[in-house]
Amino acid sequence: MSIKRALLSVSDKTGLEPLARGLHRHGVQLLSTGGTAKFIAALDIPVLEVSDFTGFPELFDGRVKTLHPKIHGGLLHRRDLTEHTQQAAENDIEPIDLVVVNLYPFEETVAREGVTREEAVEQIDIGGPSMLRSAAKNHDAVTVVVDPSDYETILDEMDGNEGATLLETRQHLATKVFERTASYDLAISTYLKKDQGKAASYSISLPLHEELRYGENPHQKAALYGNFGDYFRQLQGKGLSYTNVIDITAASELILEFRRPAVAILKHTNPCGVGADSESLRAAWDKAFETDKQAPFGGVIVCNRTLDIDLARVIAEIFTDVIIAPDFSADARALLQKKKNLRLIQMNEEGVKKSLNDPIIHSAPGGLLVMDHDSHALGLDNIENRVVTKRPPTSEEIEAMRFGWRVAKHVKSNAIVFAQSDRTIGIGAGQMSRVDSCRLAVWKAEHAGLSLKNSVVASDAMFPFADGLVSALEAGATAAVQPGGSIRDEEVIQAADEHNAAMIFTEHRHFLH
């Protein structure tokens, strides 16, 4: 069945001009409302106002304009039932074959700082969801579009099918409509409950982004939902797996801790090495790579500047699974494209920063765990006032503390990081005791041929006993940064004083499980 009449009413005008021109080219009568009608008319394309089509004026500042039997009857009546078509004719109801609607920007409105309840309520769309649901219910005959990215698909199908769309396409588009209206209603109910100071139930409605290659293991199926593509764009390589997505997330959040040009190497979400430099990513890479020259094999590399040819050349010499950067220079892309399976990921830094305002969600038997992001390395302000030892840290030690603490925040607990002001030297992660993590970090540094002399040790949580700290100091560290809070803090402080070490308590821990 070809499309002969379309109703267009959109708040987002993206792609509207080519869509309107394409529909006009097919001889489709265009109905519209408000700003959409004015936009189409300005293109010198004939458009009929909905109020003229229904013979009923818009009321109450536009709150009532499409809620009319000629609109919903035109969408809902079944073309294959004689009784329906007769009733439509008797009541002067003409079929509407295509509905293009996107909703008032409620989510964007309530995301603005300082938005009032009245402003939020005025952005609750009524007519839009009603038309979408009517059209989607009758998708056997009606094409409904809620996403501007589908405009081109519609026009292509009409070009190839004498002005008609395929049933399979209409079914797919109807599904997208119900997903969108569900998420829209959820956003409204969540806002209203929060505004009323009431605890809200937690629900999620997200579109499928892509089927993943597999889960943590090849025998586990996995899929990615939501708008991951707004934050990361895959430029080349094999499709993503579940673990790739987790690694990409961990790597991007780590690299955002640094303002200087920085490079981090991760394996199974744990940093293997992190380096920073005032000018060169290549120099930052050397510092990161020296921490552990074995772990990067098959790992993830991330940087916070455009990845240039100098860095690309050295990375190309080792097997890497994923490389993430805000951008890649043309010659770097050309070189890395020779590795067909290597995944190159372009990161939207500002988007990832904003995503840190979103909660962290994990499944739990019978439900979900929901938690705020641990988005900032806490306790680095007023370091001079956080000293608990007789000797205060030197300026060089303070800079190393800042660097090591930011890295420790991204290492699985129990986390120990030996650092200088611009690099990691030894990292111990995920051990059952903190002293074991410390011993592991010391061993890794020795294995890499790195001296821990005059380094700083960072611990993501308190040293429960003095033994972990003593192990680090005997290995060469001269200062420590840790949250404090142990019942044996005095013993730990005493051990630091006995080694003439400086130590600060951040009073904030950064567990990562």
Protein backbone atom coordinates (compact mmCIF):
# COMPACT_ATOMS: atom_id res chain seq x y z
CA MET A 1 0.00 0.00 0.00
CA SER A 2 1.59 3.26 -1.11
CA ILE A 3 1.88 6.30 1.15
CA LYS A 4 -0.51 9.04 0.02
CA ARG A 5 -0.91 11.14 3.16
CA ALA A 6 1.65 11.84 5.90
CA LEU A 7 1.49 13.69 9.20
CA LEU A 8 4.75 15.33 10.30
CA SER A 9 5.18 16.91 13.74
CA VAL A 10 8.74 17.08 15.09
CA SER A 11 10.58 19.09 17.71
CA ASP A 12 13.94 18.00 16.26
CA LYS A 13 14.15 19.24 12.67
CA THR A 14 17.20 17.11 11.82
CA GLY A 15 16.75 15.59 8.35
CA LEU A 16 13.30 17.14 7.93
CA GLU A 17 14.07 19.02 4.72
CA PRO A 18 15.19 16.01 2.62
CA LEU A 19 12.32 13.98 4.05
CA ALA A 20 9.72 16.60 3.15
CA ARG A 21 11.18 17.04 -0.32
CA GLY A 22 11.26 13.28 -0.87
CA LEU A 23 7.65 12.84 0.21
CA HIS A 24 6.57 15.76 -1.98
CA ARG A 25 8.39 14.18 -4.91
CA HIS A 26 6.24 11.06 -4.39
CA GLY A 27 3.06 13.18 -4.43
CA VAL A 28 2.33 12.64 -0.72
CA GLN A 29 -0.03 15.12 0.91
CA LEU A 30 1.69 16.62 3.96
CA LEU A 31 -0.19 17.44 7.17
CA SER A 32 1.61 19.25 9.93
CA THR A 33 1.42 21.42 13.04
CA GLY A 34 3.02 24.57 14.42
CA GLY A 35 6.73 25.01 13.83
CA THR A 36 6.97 21.93 11.62
CA ALA A 37 4.33 23.31 9.26
CA LYS A 38 6.14 26.67 9.09
CA PHE A 39 9.45 24.89 8.36
CA ILE A 40 7.93 22.90 5.48
CA ALA A 41 6.08 25.91 4.06
CA ALA A 42 9.36 27.87 4.03
CA LEU A 43 10.71 25.21 1.66
CA ASP A 44 7.92 26.07 -0.84
CA ILE A 45 6.40 22.64 -0.27
CA PRO A 46 2.59 22.46 0.07
CA VAL A 47 1.55 21.62 3.61
CA LEU A 48 -1.89 21.49 5.24
CA GLU A 49 -2.26 22.58 8.85
CA VAL A 50 -3.84 19.90 11.03
CA SER A 51 -6.44 22.39 12.26
CA ASP A 52 -7.56 22.92 8.62
CA PHE A 53 -7.60 19.15 8.06
CA THR A 54 -9.72 18.46 11.16
CA GLY A 55 -11.80 21.64 10.99
CA PHE A 56 -11.03 22.14 14.68
CA PRO A 57 -8.72 24.84 16.04
CA GLU A 58 -5.67 24.32 18.22
CA LEU A 59 -6.59 25.02 21.84
CA PHE A 60 -4.92 25.82 25.15
CA ASP A 61 -1.56 27.03 23.76
CA GLY A 62 -1.28 23.99 21.52
CA ARG A 63 -2.03 21.42 24.20
CA VAL A 64 -4.90 20.13 22.05
CA LYS A 65 -4.31 19.97 18.33
CA THR A 66 -3.95 16.36 17.11
CA LEU A 67 -6.28 14.72 19.65
CA HIS A 68 -9.13 14.43 17.16
CA PRO A 69 -11.08 11.52 15.57
CA LYS A 70 -9.97 12.57 12.07
CA ILE A 71 -6.35 12.09 13.16
CA HIS A 72 -6.63 8.94 15.27
CA GLY A 73 -9.40 7.49 13.12
CA GLY A 74 -7.19 8.05 10.07
CA LEU A 75 -4.40 6.15 11.81
CA LEU A 76 -6.29 3.37 13.57
CA HIS A 77 -8.96 2.15 11.17
CA ARG A 78 -8.08 -1.14 9.48
CA ARG A 79 -7.92 -0.91 5.72
CA ASP A 80 -8.64 -4.65 5.37
CA LEU A 81 -12.01 -4.56 7.19
CA THR A 82 -15.03 -3.37 5.19
CA GLU A 83 -16.83 -2.26 8.35
CA HIS A 84 -13.89 0.01 9.28
CA THR A 85 -13.57 1.57 5.84
CA GLN A 86 -17.33 2.19 5.70
CA GLN A 87 -17.32 3.88 9.12
CA ALA A 88 -14.35 6.01 8.03
CA ALA A 89 -16.22 7.12 4.89
CA GLU A 90 -19.42 7.84 6.79
CA ASN A 91 -17.52 10.06 9.25
CA ASP A 92 -15.35 11.81 6.67
CA ILE A 93 -12.19 10.18 8.03
CA GLU A 94 -9.37 9.92 5.50
CA PRO A 95 -6.48 7.47 5.93
CA ILE A 96 -3.11 8.72 7.18
CA ASP A 97 -0.41 6.37 5.92
CA LEU A 98 2.74 7.80 7.48
CA VAL A 99 3.38 9.46 10.84
CA VAL A 100 6.68 11.18 11.58
CA VAL A 101 6.90 12.41 15.16
CA ASN A 102 9.63 13.04 17.68
CA LEU A 103 8.68 14.13 21.13
CA TYR A 104 9.04 17.28 23.17
CA PRO A 105 12.55 17.27 24.67
CA PHE A 106 11.55 16.31 28.21
CA GLU A 107 14.77 14.48 29.09
CA GLU A 108 16.94 17.35 27.84
CA THR A 109 14.81 19.86 29.73
CA VAL A 110 15.03 18.16 33.13
CA ALA A 111 18.78 17.60 32.64
CA ARG A 112 19.33 21.37 32.66
CA GLU A 113 20.52 22.83 35.91
CA GLY A 114 17.90 24.92 37.68
CA VAL A 115 14.92 23.79 35.59
CA THR A 116 11.60 24.47 37.31
CA ARG A 117 8.80 21.98 37.75
CA GLU A 118 6.54 24.10 35.54
CA GLU A 119 9.12 24.10 32.75
CA ALA A 120 9.44 20.34 33.03
CA VAL A 121 5.70 19.68 33.00
CA GLU A 122 5.20 21.83 29.89
CA GLN A 123 7.63 19.53 28.06
CA ILE A 124 5.47 16.45 28.68
CA ASP A 125 4.23 15.56 25.21
CA ILE A 126 0.67 14.20 24.98
CA GLY A 127 -0.35 14.34 21.34
CA GLY A 128 2.98 13.00 20.08
CA PRO A 129 2.98 9.71 22.01
CA SER A 130 -0.74 9.27 21.27
CA MET A 131 -0.17 9.53 17.50
CA LEU A 132 2.88 7.30 17.67
CA ARG A 133 1.04 4.59 19.57
CA SER A 134 -1.98 4.73 17.28
CA ALA A 135 0.19 4.44 14.18
CA ALA A 136 2.38 1.73 15.68
CA LYS A 137 -0.63 -0.37 16.68
CA ASN A 138 -1.85 -0.28 13.07
CA HIS A 139 1.58 -0.92 11.53
CA ASP A 140 0.11 -3.43 9.10
CA ALA A 141 -1.05 -0.38 7.15
CA VAL A 142 0.69 2.64 8.68
CA THR A 143 4.37 3.55 8.66
CA VAL A 144 5.53 5.31 11.82
CA VAL A 145 8.89 7.01 12.35
CA VAL A 146 10.22 8.31 15.66
CA ASP A 147 13.94 8.41 14.82
CA PRO A 148 15.36 10.83 12.19
CA SER A 149 18.00 8.25 11.29
CA ASP A 150 15.20 6.20 9.66
CA TYR A 151 14.12 8.94 7.22
CA GLU A 152 16.50 7.81 4.51
CA THR A 153 15.35 4.20 4.83
CA ILE A 154 11.74 5.25 4.29
CA LEU A 155 12.52 7.28 1.17
CA ASP A 156 14.70 4.51 -0.26
CA GLU A 157 11.90 1.96 0.18
CA MET A 158 9.35 4.29 -1.35
CA ASP A 159 11.68 4.82 -4.33
CA GLY A 160 11.99 1.06 -4.83
CA ASN A 161 8.39 0.07 -4.14
CA GLU A 162 6.20 2.56 -5.98
CA GLY A 163 5.76 4.79 -2.96
CA ALA A 164 5.18 2.00 -0.43
CA THR A 165 7.14 0.60 2.51
CA LEU A 166 7.69 -3.04 3.41
CA LEU A 167 5.79 -4.76 6.21
CA GLU A 168 9.05 -5.91 7.80
CA THR A 169 10.19 -2.29 7.98
CA ARG A 170 6.88 -1.13 9.46
CA GLN A 171 7.10 -3.84 12.13
CA HIS A 172 10.64 -2.77 13.05
CA LEU A 173 9.67 0.90 13.21
CA ALA A 174 6.62 0.14 15.38
CA THR A 175 8.87 -1.67 17.85
CA LYS A 176 11.13 1.40 18.03
CA VAL A 177 8.09 3.53 18.78
CA PHE A 178 7.04 1.49 21.80
CA GLU A 179 10.63 1.44 23.06
CA ARG A 180 10.75 5.22 22.77
CA THR A 181 7.40 5.91 24.41
CA ALA A 182 8.28 3.52 27.24
CA SER A 183 11.57 5.30 27.94
CA TYR A 184 9.84 8.69 27.65
CA ASP A 185 7.16 7.77 30.19
CA LEU A 186 9.82 6.33 32.47
CA ALA A 187 11.79 9.59 32.38
CA ILE A 188 8.65 11.54 33.28
CA SER A 189 7.65 9.29 36.18
CA THR A 190 11.21 9.25 37.53
CA TYR A 191 11.39 13.05 37.45
CA LEU A 192 8.00 13.52 39.12
CA LYS A 193 8.80 11.08 41.91
CA LYS A 194 12.14 12.75 42.51
CA ASP A 195 10.45 16.17 42.50
CA GLN A 196 8.00 14.91 45.11
CA GLY A 197 10.85 13.60 47.24
CA LYS A 198 9.68 10.02 46.87
CA ALA A 199 11.80 6.97 46.24
CA ALA A 200 11.32 5.85 42.67
CA SER A 201 11.25 2.31 41.37
CA TYR A 202 14.12 1.67 39.00
CA SER A 203 13.37 0.66 35.43
CA ILE A 204 15.43 0.60 32.27
CA SER A 205 14.30 0.75 28.66
CA LEU A 206 17.15 0.95 26.17
CA PRO A 207 17.40 0.24 22.44
CA LEU A 208 19.69 -2.48 21.20
CA HIS A 209 23.00 -0.95 20.09
CA GLU A 210 24.57 -4.13 18.75
CA GLU A 211 24.88 -7.86 19.22
CA LEU A 212 28.34 -8.53 20.63
CA ARG A 213 30.69 -11.23 19.37
CA TYR A 214 30.37 -13.07 22.68
CA GLY A 215 30.37 -12.51 26.43
CA GLU A 216 33.26 -13.03 28.82
CA ASN A 217 33.73 -16.41 27.15
CA PRO A 218 32.83 -17.54 23.61
CA HIS A 219 30.02 -19.79 24.86
CA GLN A 220 28.22 -16.83 26.48
CA LYS A 221 25.93 -14.67 24.36
CA ALA A 222 26.01 -10.92 24.94
CA ALA A 223 24.45 -7.71 23.62
CA LEU A 224 25.03 -4.00 24.16
CA TYR A 225 22.07 -1.67 24.76
CA GLY A 226 21.75 2.11 24.82
CA ASN A 227 23.66 4.87 23.05
CA PHE A 228 27.24 3.61 23.42
CA GLY A 229 27.86 4.89 19.90
CA ASP A 230 27.48 8.48 21.12
CA TYR A 231 30.61 8.03 23.24
CA PHE A 232 32.74 5.63 21.21
CA ARG A 233 33.04 5.09 17.46
CA GLN A 234 34.76 1.99 16.14
CA LEU A 235 36.93 2.90 13.18
CA GLN A 236 38.24 -0.56 12.30
CA GLY A 237 38.76 -4.10 13.52
CA LYS A 238 36.72 -7.07 14.64
CA GLY A 239 33.36 -6.61 16.30
CA LEU A 240 33.33 -5.89 20.01
CA SER A 241 32.93 -8.51 22.71
CA TYR A 242 31.52 -8.06 26.22
CA THR A 243 35.01 -7.73 27.70
CA ASN A 244 36.03 -5.21 25.04
CA VAL A 245 33.21 -2.91 26.12
CA ILE A 246 34.17 -3.24 29.79
CA ASP A 247 37.84 -2.59 28.97
CA ILE A 248 37.01 0.44 26.83
CA THR A 249 34.91 1.89 29.63
CA ALA A 250 37.62 1.35 32.26
CA ALA A 251 40.38 2.73 30.03
CA SER A 252 38.49 5.88 29.09
CA GLU A 253 37.58 6.68 32.70
CA LEU A 254 41.21 6.22 33.76
CA ILE A 255 42.70 8.48 31.09
CA LEU A 256 40.25 11.27 31.94
CA GLU A 257 42.07 11.64 35.27
CA PHE A 258 44.98 13.39 33.51
CA ARG A 259 45.36 16.78 31.89
CA ARG A 260 48.91 16.36 30.57
CA PRO A 261 49.43 14.16 27.51
CA ALA A 262 49.06 10.68 28.96
CA VAL A 263 49.04 7.05 27.88
CA ALA A 264 47.69 4.10 29.84
CA ILE A 265 47.98 0.39 29.17
CA LEU A 266 45.34 -1.91 30.67
CA LYS A 267 44.71 -5.62 30.90
CA HIS A 268 41.39 -6.97 32.17
CA THR A 269 40.49 -3.39 33.23
CA ASN A 270 43.57 -3.09 35.48
CA PRO A 271 46.22 -0.51 34.61
CA CYS A 272 49.52 -2.19 33.74
CA GLY A 273 51.30 1.12 33.32
CA VAL A 274 50.46 4.81 33.09
CA GLY A 275 52.71 7.61 31.91
CA ALA A 276 52.37 11.36 31.41
CA ASP A 277 54.55 13.95 29.74
CA SER A 278 54.36 17.71 29.33
CA GLU A 279 54.62 17.52 25.53
CA SER A 280 54.87 14.11 23.92
CA LEU A 281 52.56 11.09 23.84
CA ARG A 282 55.55 9.07 22.65
CA ALA A 283 57.45 9.96 25.84
CA ALA A 284 54.35 9.19 27.91
CA TRP A 285 54.16 5.79 26.23
CA ASP A 286 57.75 4.95 27.17
CA LYS A 287 56.98 5.68 30.84
CA ALA A 288 53.82 3.56 30.77
CA PHE A 289 55.40 0.67 28.87
CA GLU A 290 58.42 0.45 31.15
CA THR A 291 56.17 -0.42 34.10
CA ASP A 292 55.31 -3.81 32.62
CA LYS A 293 56.55 -4.86 29.18
CA GLN A 294 54.73 -8.21 29.18
CA ALA A 295 51.18 -7.28 30.18
CA PRO A 296 50.43 -5.04 27.14
CA PHE A 297 50.37 -8.16 24.91
CA GLY A 298 46.72 -8.42 23.85
CA GLY A 299 45.78 -5.47 26.05
CA VAL A 300 44.16 -2.06 25.70
CA ILE A 301 45.99 1.20 25.04
CA VAL A 302 44.37 4.58 25.65
CA CYS A 303 45.62 8.15 25.30
CA ASN A 304 44.11 11.60 25.84
CA ARG A 305 45.49 13.33 22.75
CA THR A 306 45.32 12.64 19.02
CA LEU A 307 47.34 9.48 18.45
CA ASP A 308 50.13 10.45 16.05
CA ILE A 309 52.48 8.48 13.82
CA ASP A 310 55.31 8.47 16.37
CA LEU A 311 53.18 6.59 18.88
CA ALA A 312 51.51 4.47 16.21
CA ARG A 313 54.88 3.13 15.03
CA VAL A 314 55.86 1.80 18.44
CA ILE A 315 52.40 0.42 19.22
CA ALA A 316 52.34 -1.38 15.89
CA GLU A 317 55.32 -3.46 17.03
CA ILE A 318 53.30 -5.29 19.70
CA PHE A 319 50.05 -7.24 19.59
CA THR A 320 47.27 -5.01 20.91
CA ASP A 321 43.56 -5.75 21.08
CA VAL A 322 42.09 -2.23 21.38
CA ILE A 323 43.48 1.30 20.97
CA ILE A 324 41.42 4.27 22.18
CA ALA A 325 42.06 7.95 21.47
CA PRO A 326 40.10 11.17 20.94
CA ASP A 327 41.35 11.05 17.35
CA PHE A 328 43.97 9.47 15.10
CA SER A 329 46.20 11.31 12.65
CA ALA A 330 45.82 10.24 9.02
CA ASP A 331 49.27 8.62 8.84
CA ALA A 332 48.69 6.83 12.15
CA ARG A 333 45.39 5.46 10.79
CA ALA A 334 47.09 4.33 7.60
CA LEU A 335 49.75 2.44 9.55
CA LEU A 336 47.41 0.83 12.07
CA GLN A 337 44.90 -0.19 9.39
CA LYS A 338 47.41 -2.82 8.28
CA LYS A 339 46.44 -4.74 11.41
CA LYS A 340 42.97 -5.81 10.26
CA ASN A 341 41.80 -7.26 13.58
CA LEU A 342 43.02 -4.34 15.69
CA ARG A 343 40.08 -2.37 17.05
CA LEU A 344 40.54 1.39 16.80
CA ILE A 345 38.08 3.30 18.97
CA GLN A 346 37.52 7.06 18.76
CA MET A 347 36.48 8.45 22.13
CA ASN A 348 34.15 11.40 22.67
CA GLU A 349 35.89 12.79 25.75
CA GLU A 350 33.21 15.30 26.67
CA GLY A 351 30.51 12.67 26.28
CA VAL A 352 32.38 10.21 28.51
CA LYS A 353 32.87 12.93 31.14
CA LYS A 354 29.13 13.60 31.16
CA SER A 355 28.41 9.88 31.43
CA LEU A 356 30.16 9.88 34.82
CA ASN A 357 26.99 11.53 36.12
CA ASP A 358 25.09 8.36 35.26
CA PRO A 359 24.77 5.57 37.83
CA ILE A 360 26.70 2.32 37.77
CA ILE A 361 24.37 -0.67 37.42
CA HIS A 362 25.13 -4.33 38.17
CA SER A 363 22.78 -7.27 38.14
CA ALA A 364 21.98 -9.04 41.40
CA PRO A 365 19.77 -12.06 42.04
CA GLY A 366 16.23 -10.82 41.63
CA GLY A 367 17.17 -7.26 40.76
CA LEU A 368 19.80 -4.59 40.24
CA LEU A 369 22.45 -2.80 42.25
CA VAL A 370 22.53 0.92 41.44
CA MET A 371 25.33 3.21 42.62
CA ASP A 372 26.74 6.66 41.94
CA HIS A 373 29.90 6.80 39.86
CA ASP A 374 33.19 7.18 41.73
CA SER A 375 33.93 10.03 39.39
CA HIS A 376 36.58 12.06 41.23
CA ALA A 377 39.86 11.22 42.95
CA LEU A 378 38.97 12.50 46.41
CA GLY A 379 41.23 13.85 49.10
CA LEU A 380 43.87 15.55 46.94
CA ASP A 381 42.79 19.05 47.91
CA ASN A 382 44.75 20.74 50.71
CA ILE A 383 47.29 17.94 50.82
CA GLU A 384 49.50 20.02 53.10
CA ASN A 385 46.78 19.84 55.76
CA ARG A 386 46.39 16.07 55.50
CA VAL A 387 49.88 15.13 56.66
CA VAL A 388 49.88 12.67 59.58
CA THR A 389 53.64 12.04 59.91
CA LYS A 390 56.43 14.04 61.49
CA ARG A 391 57.97 14.71 58.10
CA PRO A 392 55.80 16.49 55.55
CA PRO A 393 56.08 15.42 51.91
CA THR A 394 58.34 17.33 49.53
CA SER A 395 56.82 19.06 46.51
CA GLU A 396 58.10 16.20 44.33
CA GLU A 397 56.46 13.64 46.62
CA ILE A 398 53.18 15.58 46.54
CA GLU A 399 53.12 15.45 42.75
CA ALA A 400 53.86 11.73 42.84
CA MET A 401 51.08 11.26 45.40
CA ARG A 402 48.62 13.01 43.09
CA PHE A 403 49.64 10.82 40.18
CA GLY A 404 49.68 7.53 42.09
CA TRP A 405 46.38 8.21 43.86
CA ARG A 406 44.60 8.86 40.56
CA VAL A 407 45.88 5.57 39.17
CA ALA A 408 45.15 3.58 42.35
CA LYS A 409 41.50 4.61 42.06
CA HIS A 410 41.29 2.53 38.85
CA VAL A 411 43.15 -0.57 40.11
CA LYS A 412 41.14 -3.50 41.48
CA SER A 413 41.22 -3.76 45.27
CA ASN A 414 43.39 -4.39 47.12
CA ALA A 415 45.28 -1.79 45.09
CA ILE A 416 48.90 -0.73 45.55
CA VAL A 417 50.61 1.67 43.14
CA PHE A 418 54.23 2.81 43.27
CA ALA A 419 54.57 6.04 41.34
CA GLN A 420 56.63 9.07 40.51
CA SER A 421 55.16 12.39 39.43
CA ASP A 422 54.71 11.27 35.81
CA ARG A 423 54.63 7.47 35.78
CA THR A 424 53.79 4.24 37.52
CA ILE A 425 56.66 1.98 38.57
CA GLY A 426 54.93 -1.00 40.15
CA ILE A 427 51.28 -2.03 40.43
CA GLY A 428 49.72 -4.73 42.60
CA ALA A 429 46.05 -5.50 42.04
CA GLY A 430 43.25 -7.69 43.31
CA GLN A 431 45.08 -9.67 45.98
CA MET A 432 43.36 -11.04 49.06
CA SER A 433 45.54 -8.98 51.40
CA ARG A 434 47.07 -5.55 50.98
CA VAL A 435 50.54 -6.76 51.91
CA ASP A 436 50.32 -9.34 49.11
CA SER A 437 49.42 -6.58 46.62
CA CYS A 438 52.41 -4.63 47.87
CA ARG A 439 54.72 -7.62 47.43
CA LEU A 440 53.32 -8.19 43.95
CA ALA A 441 53.95 -4.56 42.97
CA VAL A 442 57.52 -4.78 44.27
CA TRP A 443 58.09 -8.01 42.35
CA LYS A 444 56.65 -6.52 39.14
CA ALA A 445 58.96 -3.51 39.45
CA GLU A 446 61.99 -5.73 40.02
CA HIS A 447 60.99 -7.91 37.06
CA ALA A 448 60.77 -4.77 34.89
CA GLY A 449 64.19 -3.63 36.07
CA LEU A 450 62.79 -0.52 37.75
CA SER A 451 64.01 0.95 41.00
CA LEU A 452 61.42 1.93 43.60
CA LYS A 453 63.90 4.22 45.31
CA ASN A 454 62.38 7.64 46.08
CA SER A 455 58.94 6.58 44.84
CA VAL A 456 55.57 7.16 46.48
CA VAL A 457 53.19 4.33 47.33
CA ALA A 458 49.42 4.79 46.95
CA SER A 459 46.90 2.47 48.58
CA ASP A 460 43.23 2.63 47.56
CA ALA A 461 42.13 1.80 51.10
CA MET A 462 43.68 1.91 54.57
CA PHE A 463 46.70 -0.13 55.59
CA PRO A 464 45.05 -2.33 58.25
CA PHE A 465 48.47 -3.25 59.61
CA ALA A 466 51.89 -1.69 59.40
CA ASP A 467 53.35 -4.64 57.47
CA GLY A 468 52.06 -3.50 54.06
CA LEU A 469 53.45 -0.01 54.47
CA VAL A 470 56.77 -1.28 55.85
CA SER A 471 57.09 -3.61 52.86
CA ALA A 472 56.66 -0.63 50.53
CA LEU A 473 59.09 1.59 52.44
CA GLU A 474 61.74 -1.13 52.61
CA ALA A 475 61.39 -1.50 48.82
CA GLY A 476 62.36 2.16 48.39
CA ALA A 477 59.24 4.29 48.76
CA THR A 478 59.76 7.49 50.76
CA ALA A 479 56.13 8.58 51.08
CA ALA A 480 52.63 7.14 51.13
CA VAL A 481 49.12 8.29 50.32
CA GLN A 482 46.21 6.31 51.77
CA PRO A 483 42.72 6.94 53.21
CA GLY A 484 43.49 6.12 56.83
CA GLY A 485 40.75 4.93 59.13
CA SER A 486 42.27 1.74 60.55
CA ILE A 487 42.06 1.01 64.27
CA ARG A 488 45.83 0.59 63.96
CA ASP A 489 46.45 3.94 62.27
CA GLU A 490 48.81 4.98 65.07
CA GLU A 491 50.95 1.87 64.49
CA VAL A 492 51.05 2.60 60.76
CA ILE A 493 51.98 6.25 61.35
CA GLN A 494 54.67 5.19 63.81
CA ALA A 495 56.14 2.81 61.22
CA ALA A 496 56.25 5.64 58.70
CA ASP A 497 57.98 7.93 61.20
CA GLU A 498 60.54 5.24 62.00
CA HIS A 499 61.44 5.14 58.30
CA ASN A 500 61.42 8.97 58.05
CA ALA A 501 58.62 8.65 55.50
CA ALA A 502 55.94 11.23 54.78
CA MET A 503 52.32 10.12 54.71
CA ILE A 504 48.95 11.75 54.10
CA PHE A 505 45.47 10.50 54.87
CA THR A 506 42.98 11.39 52.13
CA GLU A 507 40.05 10.35 54.35
CA HIS A 508 38.42 8.87 51.24
CA ARG A 509 38.88 5.35 49.92
CA HIS A 510 38.50 4.22 46.32
CA PHE A 511 37.61 0.52 46.37
CA LEU A 512 37.08 -1.02 42.95
CA HIS A 513 35.70 -4.55 42.82
